[in-house]
Amino acid sequence: MQVFNVQGMTCGHCVKAVTRAVQAQDAEAIVEVDLGQKQVKVQSALPTPEILQLIREEGYQAEAV
């Protein structure tokens, strides 16, 4: 499970946007978003840099933990 700190997520739309972005590249990915902790956990075969790029392309600041 890869863990990312993600700034700028505030609502369900944000959760869906991040989830869809990752699952568009890996349909089997498991994405868990915790808005309170500003954290995204991803279980995927995608490499960390690619997941970071996908989240950033949605307009959020992200860094691997």
PDB file of N, CA and C in Angstrom:
ATOM      1  N   MET A   1       0.854  -1.183   0.000  1.00  0.00           N
ATOM      2  CA  MET A   1       0.000   0.000   0.000  1.00  0.00           C
ATOM      3  C   MET A   1       0.898   1.243   0.000  1.00  0.00           C
ATOM      4  N   GLN A   2       0.706   2.098  -0.988  1.00  0.00           N
ATOM      5  CA  GLN A   2       1.456   3.347  -1.078  1.00  0.00           C
ATOM      6  C   GLN A   2       0.633   4.445  -0.413  1.00  0.00           C
ATOM      7  N   VAL A   3       1.296   5.324   0.318  1.00  0.00           N
ATOM      8  CA  VAL A   3       0.597   6.379   1.051  1.00  0.00           C
ATOM      9  C   VAL A   3       1.099   7.737   0.566  1.00  0.00           C
ATOM     10  N   PHE A   4       0.140   8.654   0.350  1.00  0.00           N
ATOM     11  CA  PHE A   4       0.453   9.989  -0.146  1.00  0.00           C
ATOM     12  C   PHE A   4      -0.249  11.039   0.696  1.00  0.00           C
ATOM     13  N   ASN A   5       0.450  12.118   0.994  1.00  0.00           N
ATOM     14  CA  ASN A   5      -0.178  13.299   1.587  1.00  0.00           C
ATOM     15  C   ASN A   5      -0.645  14.149   0.420  1.00  0.00           C
ATOM     16  N   VAL A   6      -1.938  14.517   0.445  1.00  0.00           N
ATOM     17  CA  VAL A   6      -2.514  15.270  -0.668  1.00  0.00           C
ATOM     18  C   VAL A   6      -3.231  16.497  -0.125  1.00  0.00           C
ATOM     19  N   GLN A   7      -2.793  17.664  -0.572  1.00  0.00           N
ATOM     20  CA  GLN A   7      -3.390  18.929  -0.143  1.00  0.00           C
ATOM     21  C   GLN A   7      -4.439  19.365  -1.159  1.00  0.00           C
ATOM     22  N   GLY A   8      -5.514  19.979  -0.666  1.00  0.00           N
ATOM     23  CA  GLY A   8      -6.512  20.560  -1.545  1.00  0.00           C
ATOM     24  C   GLY A   8      -7.778  19.747  -1.697  1.00  0.00           C
ATOM     25  N   MET A   9      -7.809  18.546  -1.148  1.00  0.00           N
ATOM     26  CA  MET A   9      -9.031  17.740  -1.229  1.00  0.00           C
ATOM     27  C   MET A   9      -9.994  18.189  -0.130  1.00  0.00           C
ATOM     28  N   THR A  10     -11.247  18.472  -0.516  1.00  0.00           N
ATOM     29  CA  THR A  10     -12.196  18.978   0.470  1.00  0.00           C
ATOM     30  C   THR A  10     -13.543  18.276   0.459  1.00  0.00           C
ATOM     31  N   CYS A  11     -13.843  17.487  -0.572  1.00  0.00           N
ATOM     32  CA  CYS A  11     -15.208  16.960  -0.675  1.00  0.00           C
ATOM     33  C   CYS A  11     -15.239  15.634  -1.429  1.00  0.00           C
ATOM     34  N   GLY A  12     -16.425  15.111  -1.571  1.00  0.00           N
ATOM     35  CA  GLY A  12     -16.618  13.857  -2.285  1.00  0.00           C
ATOM     36  C   GLY A  12     -16.185  13.929  -3.736  1.00  0.00           C
ATOM     37  N   HIS A  13     -16.357  15.090  -4.355  1.00  0.00           N
ATOM     38  CA  HIS A  13     -15.902  15.250  -5.748  1.00  0.00           C
ATOM     39  C   HIS A  13     -14.400  15.041  -5.847  1.00  0.00           C
ATOM     40  N   CYS A  14     -13.671  15.571  -4.868  1.00  0.00           N
ATOM     41  CA  CYS A  14     -12.215  15.401  -4.840  1.00  0.00           C
ATOM     42  C   CYS A  14     -11.852  13.923  -4.734  1.00  0.00           C
ATOM     43  N   VAL A  15     -12.558  13.225  -3.863  1.00  0.00           N
ATOM     44  CA  VAL A  15     -12.318  11.790  -3.678  1.00  0.00           C
ATOM     45  C   VAL A  15     -12.527  11.055  -4.999  1.00  0.00           C
ATOM     46  N   LYS A  16     -13.634  11.353  -5.680  1.00  0.00           N
ATOM     47  CA  LYS A  16     -13.941  10.694  -6.949  1.00  0.00           C
ATOM     48  C   LYS A  16     -12.901  11.027  -8.010  1.00  0.00           C
ATOM     49  N   ALA A  17     -12.464  12.283  -8.055  1.00  0.00           N
ATOM     50  CA  ALA A  17     -11.493  12.696  -9.070  1.00  0.00           C
ATOM     51  C   ALA A  17     -10.179  11.943  -8.915  1.00  0.00           C
ATOM     52  N   VAL A  18      -9.690  11.856  -7.682  1.00  0.00           N
ATOM     53  CA  VAL A  18      -8.429  11.160  -7.430  1.00  0.00           C
ATOM     54  C   VAL A  18      -8.587   9.663  -7.701  1.00  0.00           C
ATOM     55  N   THR A  19      -9.678   9.100  -7.240  1.00  0.00           N
ATOM     56  CA  THR A  19      -9.921   7.671  -7.441  1.00  0.00           C
ATOM     57  C   THR A  19     -10.004   7.333  -8.925  1.00  0.00           C
ATOM     58  N   ARG A  20     -10.776   8.119  -9.677  1.00  0.00           N
ATOM     59  CA  ARG A  20     -10.927   7.872 -11.112  1.00  0.00           C
ATOM     60  C   ARG A  20      -9.600   8.023 -11.854  1.00  0.00           C
ATOM     61  N   ALA A  21      -8.809   9.007 -11.464  1.00  0.00           N
ATOM     62  CA  ALA A  21      -7.528   9.239 -12.139  1.00  0.00           C
ATOM     63  C   ALA A  21      -6.620   8.020 -12.016  1.00  0.00           C
ATOM     64  N   VAL A  22      -6.549   7.453 -10.817  1.00  0.00           N
ATOM     65  CA  VAL A  22      -5.691   6.278 -10.598  1.00  0.00           C
ATOM     66  C   VAL A  22      -6.289   5.049 -11.284  1.00  0.00           C
ATOM     67  N   GLN A  23      -7.586   4.844 -11.124  1.00  0.00           N
ATOM     68  CA  GLN A  23      -8.207   3.647 -11.688  1.00  0.00           C
ATOM     69  C   GLN A  23      -8.297   3.689 -13.210  1.00  0.00           C
ATOM     70  N   ALA A  24      -8.168   4.862 -13.805  1.00  0.00           N
ATOM     71  CA  ALA A  24      -8.141   4.954 -15.263  1.00  0.00           C
ATOM     72  C   ALA A  24      -6.866   4.296 -15.812  1.00  0.00           C
ATOM     73  N   GLN A  25      -5.796   4.316 -15.024  1.00  0.00           N
ATOM     74  CA  GLN A  25      -4.526   3.714 -15.432  1.00  0.00           C
ATOM     75  C   GLN A  25      -4.369   2.289 -14.909  1.00  0.00           C
ATOM     76  N   ASP A  26      -5.036   1.977 -13.809  1.00  0.00           N
ATOM     77  CA  ASP A  26      -4.993   0.632 -13.225  1.00  0.00           C
ATOM     78  C   ASP A  26      -6.380   0.330 -12.665  1.00  0.00           C
ATOM     79  N   ALA A  27      -7.194  -0.340 -13.474  1.00  0.00           N
ATOM     80  CA  ALA A  27      -8.581  -0.608 -13.097  1.00  0.00           C
ATOM     81  C   ALA A  27      -8.698  -1.440 -11.822  1.00  0.00           C
ATOM     82  N   GLU A  28      -7.653  -2.174 -11.496  1.00  0.00           N
ATOM     83  CA  GLU A  28      -7.669  -3.032 -10.307  1.00  0.00           C
ATOM     84  C   GLU A  28      -7.196  -2.302  -9.045  1.00  0.00           C
ATOM     85  N   ALA A  29      -6.782  -1.066  -9.195  1.00  0.00           N
ATOM     86  CA  ALA A  29      -6.241  -0.319  -8.047  1.00  0.00           C
ATOM     87  C   ALA A  29      -7.293  -0.124  -6.967  1.00  0.00           C
ATOM     88  N   ILE A  30      -6.841  -0.204  -5.725  1.00  0.00           N
ATOM     89  CA  ILE A  30      -7.684   0.097  -4.570  1.00  0.00           C
ATOM     90  C   ILE A  30      -7.231   1.451  -4.055  1.00  0.00           C
ATOM     91  N   VAL A  31      -8.164   2.403  -3.998  1.00  0.00           N
ATOM     92  CA  VAL A  31      -7.852   3.769  -3.585  1.00  0.00           C
ATOM     93  C   VAL A  31      -8.696   4.113  -2.368  1.00  0.00           C
ATOM     94  N   GLU A  32      -8.027   4.485  -1.275  1.00  0.00           N
ATOM     95  CA  GLU A  32      -8.711   4.893  -0.049  1.00  0.00           C
ATOM     96  C   GLU A  32      -8.318   6.339   0.246  1.00  0.00           C
ATOM     97  N   VAL A  33      -9.324   7.216   0.357  1.00  0.00           N
ATOM     98  CA  VAL A  33      -9.063   8.631   0.607  1.00  0.00           C
ATOM     99  C   VAL A  33      -9.583   8.999   1.990  1.00  0.00           C
ATOM    100  N   ASP A  34      -8.739   9.641   2.786  1.00  0.00           N
ATOM    101  CA  ASP A  34      -9.116  10.143   4.107  1.00  0.00           C
ATOM    102  C   ASP A  34      -9.015  11.669   4.058  1.00  0.00           C
ATOM    103  N   LEU A  35     -10.163  12.334   3.869  1.00  0.00           N
ATOM    104  CA  LEU A  35     -10.160  13.791   3.758  1.00  0.00           C
ATOM    105  C   LEU A  35      -9.631  14.457   5.023  1.00  0.00           C
ATOM    106  N   GLY A  36      -9.986  13.926   6.187  1.00  0.00           N
ATOM    107  CA  GLY A  36      -9.556  14.510   7.456  1.00  0.00           C
ATOM    108  C   GLY A  36      -8.046  14.487   7.624  1.00  0.00           C
ATOM    109  N   GLN A  37      -7.431  13.398   7.220  1.00  0.00           N
ATOM    110  CA  GLN A  37      -5.977  13.252   7.324  1.00  0.00           C
ATOM    111  C   GLN A  37      -5.254  13.798   6.093  1.00  0.00           C
ATOM    112  N   LYS A  38      -6.027  14.176   5.065  1.00  0.00           N
ATOM    113  CA  LYS A  38      -5.455  14.638   3.795  1.00  0.00           C
ATOM    114  C   LYS A  38      -4.492  13.588   3.244  1.00  0.00           C
ATOM    115  N   GLN A  39      -4.986  12.346   3.237  1.00  0.00           N
ATOM    116  CA  GLN A  39      -4.134  11.227   2.863  1.00  0.00           C
ATOM    117  C   GLN A  39      -4.849  10.329   1.861  1.00  0.00           C
ATOM    118  N   VAL A  40      -4.076   9.807   0.928  1.00  0.00           N
ATOM    119  CA  VAL A  40      -4.581   8.855  -0.053  1.00  0.00           C
ATOM    120  C   VAL A  40      -3.718   7.605   0.032  1.00  0.00           C
ATOM    121  N   LYS A  41      -4.376   6.456   0.166  1.00  0.00           N
ATOM    122  CA  LYS A  41      -3.671   5.177   0.174  1.00  0.00           C
ATOM    123  C   LYS A  41      -4.045   4.453  -1.111  1.00  0.00           C
ATOM    124  N   VAL A  42      -3.030   3.941  -1.780  1.00  0.00           N
ATOM    125  CA  VAL A  42      -3.261   3.280  -3.064  1.00  0.00           C
ATOM    126  C   VAL A  42      -2.568   1.932  -3.073  1.00  0.00           C
ATOM    127  N   GLN A  43      -3.342   0.906  -3.432  1.00  0.00           N
ATOM    128  CA  GLN A  43      -2.766  -0.415  -3.662  1.00  0.00           C
ATOM    129  C   GLN A  43      -2.847  -0.636  -5.167  1.00  0.00           C
ATOM    130  N   SER A  44      -1.679  -0.617  -5.816  1.00  0.00           N
ATOM    131  CA  SER A  44      -1.639  -0.668  -7.268  1.00  0.00           C
ATOM    132  C   SER A  44      -0.279  -1.157  -7.730  1.00  0.00           C
ATOM    133  N   ALA A  45      -0.262  -1.667  -8.958  1.00  0.00           N
ATOM    134  CA  ALA A  45       1.003  -2.054  -9.577  1.00  0.00           C
ATOM    135  C   ALA A  45       1.722  -0.845 -10.165  1.00  0.00           C
ATOM    136  N   LEU A  46       1.043   0.301 -10.207  1.00  0.00           N
ATOM    137  CA  LEU A  46       1.669   1.514 -10.758  1.00  0.00           C
ATOM    138  C   LEU A  46       2.796   1.984  -9.850  1.00  0.00           C
ATOM    139  N   PRO A  47       3.872   2.500 -10.430  1.00  0.00           N
ATOM    140  CA  PRO A  47       4.967   3.025  -9.605  1.00  0.00           C
ATOM    141  C   PRO A  47       4.565   4.337  -8.928  1.00  0.00           C
ATOM    142  N   THR A  48       5.179   4.610  -7.792  1.00  0.00           N
ATOM    143  CA  THR A  48       4.871   5.803  -7.008  1.00  0.00           C
ATOM    144  C   THR A  48       4.925   7.090  -7.824  1.00  0.00           C
ATOM    145  N   PRO A  49       5.980   7.329  -8.629  1.00  0.00           N
ATOM    146  CA  PRO A  49       6.016   8.582  -9.394  1.00  0.00           C
ATOM    147  C   PRO A  49       4.822   8.751 -10.335  1.00  0.00           C
ATOM    148  N   GLU A  50       4.346   7.650 -10.900  1.00  0.00           N
ATOM    149  CA  GLU A  50       3.207   7.732 -11.819  1.00  0.00           C
ATOM    150  C   GLU A  50       1.931   8.095 -11.059  1.00  0.00           C
ATOM    151  N   ILE A  51       1.736   7.514  -9.881  1.00  0.00           N
ATOM    152  CA  ILE A  51       0.560   7.843  -9.074  1.00  0.00           C
ATOM    153  C   ILE A  51       0.612   9.312  -8.656  1.00  0.00           C
ATOM    154  N   LEU A  52       1.779   9.767  -8.240  1.00  0.00           N
ATOM    155  CA  LEU A  52       1.926  11.187  -7.876  1.00  0.00           C
ATOM    156  C   LEU A  52       1.543  12.081  -9.048  1.00  0.00           C
ATOM    157  N   GLN A  53       2.007  11.751 -10.238  1.00  0.00           N
ATOM    158  CA  GLN A  53       1.702  12.550 -11.423  1.00  0.00           C
ATOM    159  C   GLN A  53       0.201  12.563 -11.698  1.00  0.00           C
ATOM    160  N   LEU A  54      -0.454  11.425 -11.559  1.00  0.00           N
ATOM    161  CA  LEU A  54      -1.892  11.343 -11.803  1.00  0.00           C
ATOM    162  C   LEU A  54      -2.667  12.234 -10.827  1.00  0.00           C
ATOM    163  N   ILE A  55      -2.264  12.212  -9.564  1.00  0.00           N
ATOM    164  CA  ILE A  55      -2.936  13.039  -8.556  1.00  0.00           C
ATOM    165  C   ILE A  55      -2.682  14.518  -8.851  1.00  0.00           C
ATOM    166  N   ARG A  56      -1.455  14.850  -9.194  1.00  0.00           N
ATOM    167  CA  ARG A  56      -1.108  16.248  -9.493  1.00  0.00           C
ATOM    168  C   ARG A  56      -1.846  16.759 -10.725  1.00  0.00           C
ATOM    169  N   GLU A  57      -2.054  15.891 -11.707  1.00  0.00           N
ATOM    170  CA  GLU A  57      -2.785  16.288 -12.906  1.00  0.00           C
ATOM    171  C   GLU A  57      -4.236  16.641 -12.597  1.00  0.00           C
ATOM    172  N   GLU A  58      -4.753  16.139 -11.486  1.00  0.00           N
ATOM    173  CA  GLU A  58      -6.116  16.482 -11.055  1.00  0.00           C
ATOM    174  C   GLU A  58      -6.143  17.827 -10.322  1.00  0.00           C
ATOM    175  N   GLY A  59      -4.956  18.408 -10.095  1.00  0.00           N
ATOM    176  CA  GLY A  59      -4.898  19.734  -9.499  1.00  0.00           C
ATOM    177  C   GLY A  59      -4.562  19.764  -8.014  1.00  0.00           C
ATOM    178  N   TYR A  60      -4.093  18.642  -7.485  1.00  0.00           N
ATOM    179  CA  TYR A  60      -3.767  18.570  -6.057  1.00  0.00           C
ATOM    180  C   TYR A  60      -2.266  18.483  -5.852  1.00  0.00           C
ATOM    181  N   GLN A  61      -1.813  19.021  -4.739  1.00  0.00           N
ATOM    182  CA  GLN A  61      -0.411  18.880  -4.362  1.00  0.00           C
ATOM    183  C   GLN A  61      -0.280  17.549  -3.645  1.00  0.00           C
ATOM    184  N   ALA A  62       0.686  16.754  -4.071  1.00  0.00           N
ATOM    185  CA  ALA A  62       0.831  15.415  -3.490  1.00  0.00           C
ATOM    186  C   ALA A  62       2.298  15.086  -3.274  1.00  0.00           C
ATOM    187  N   GLU A  63       2.539  14.331  -2.220  1.00  0.00           N
ATOM    188  CA  GLU A  63       3.886  13.822  -1.953  1.00  0.00           C
ATOM    189  C   GLU A  63       3.755  12.452  -1.313  1.00  0.00           C
ATOM    190  N   ALA A  64       4.722  11.606  -1.619  1.00  0.00           N
ATOM    191  CA  ALA A  64       4.745  10.266  -1.030  1.00  0.00           C
ATOM    192  C   ALA A  64       5.168  10.366   0.422  1.00  0.00           C
ATOM    193  N   VAL A  65       4.593   9.504   1.253  1.00  0.00           N
ATOM    194  CA  VAL A  65       4.935   9.471   2.677  1.00  0.00           C
ATOM    195  C   VAL A  65       6.011   8.424   2.888  1.00  0.00           C
TER     196      VAL A  65
END
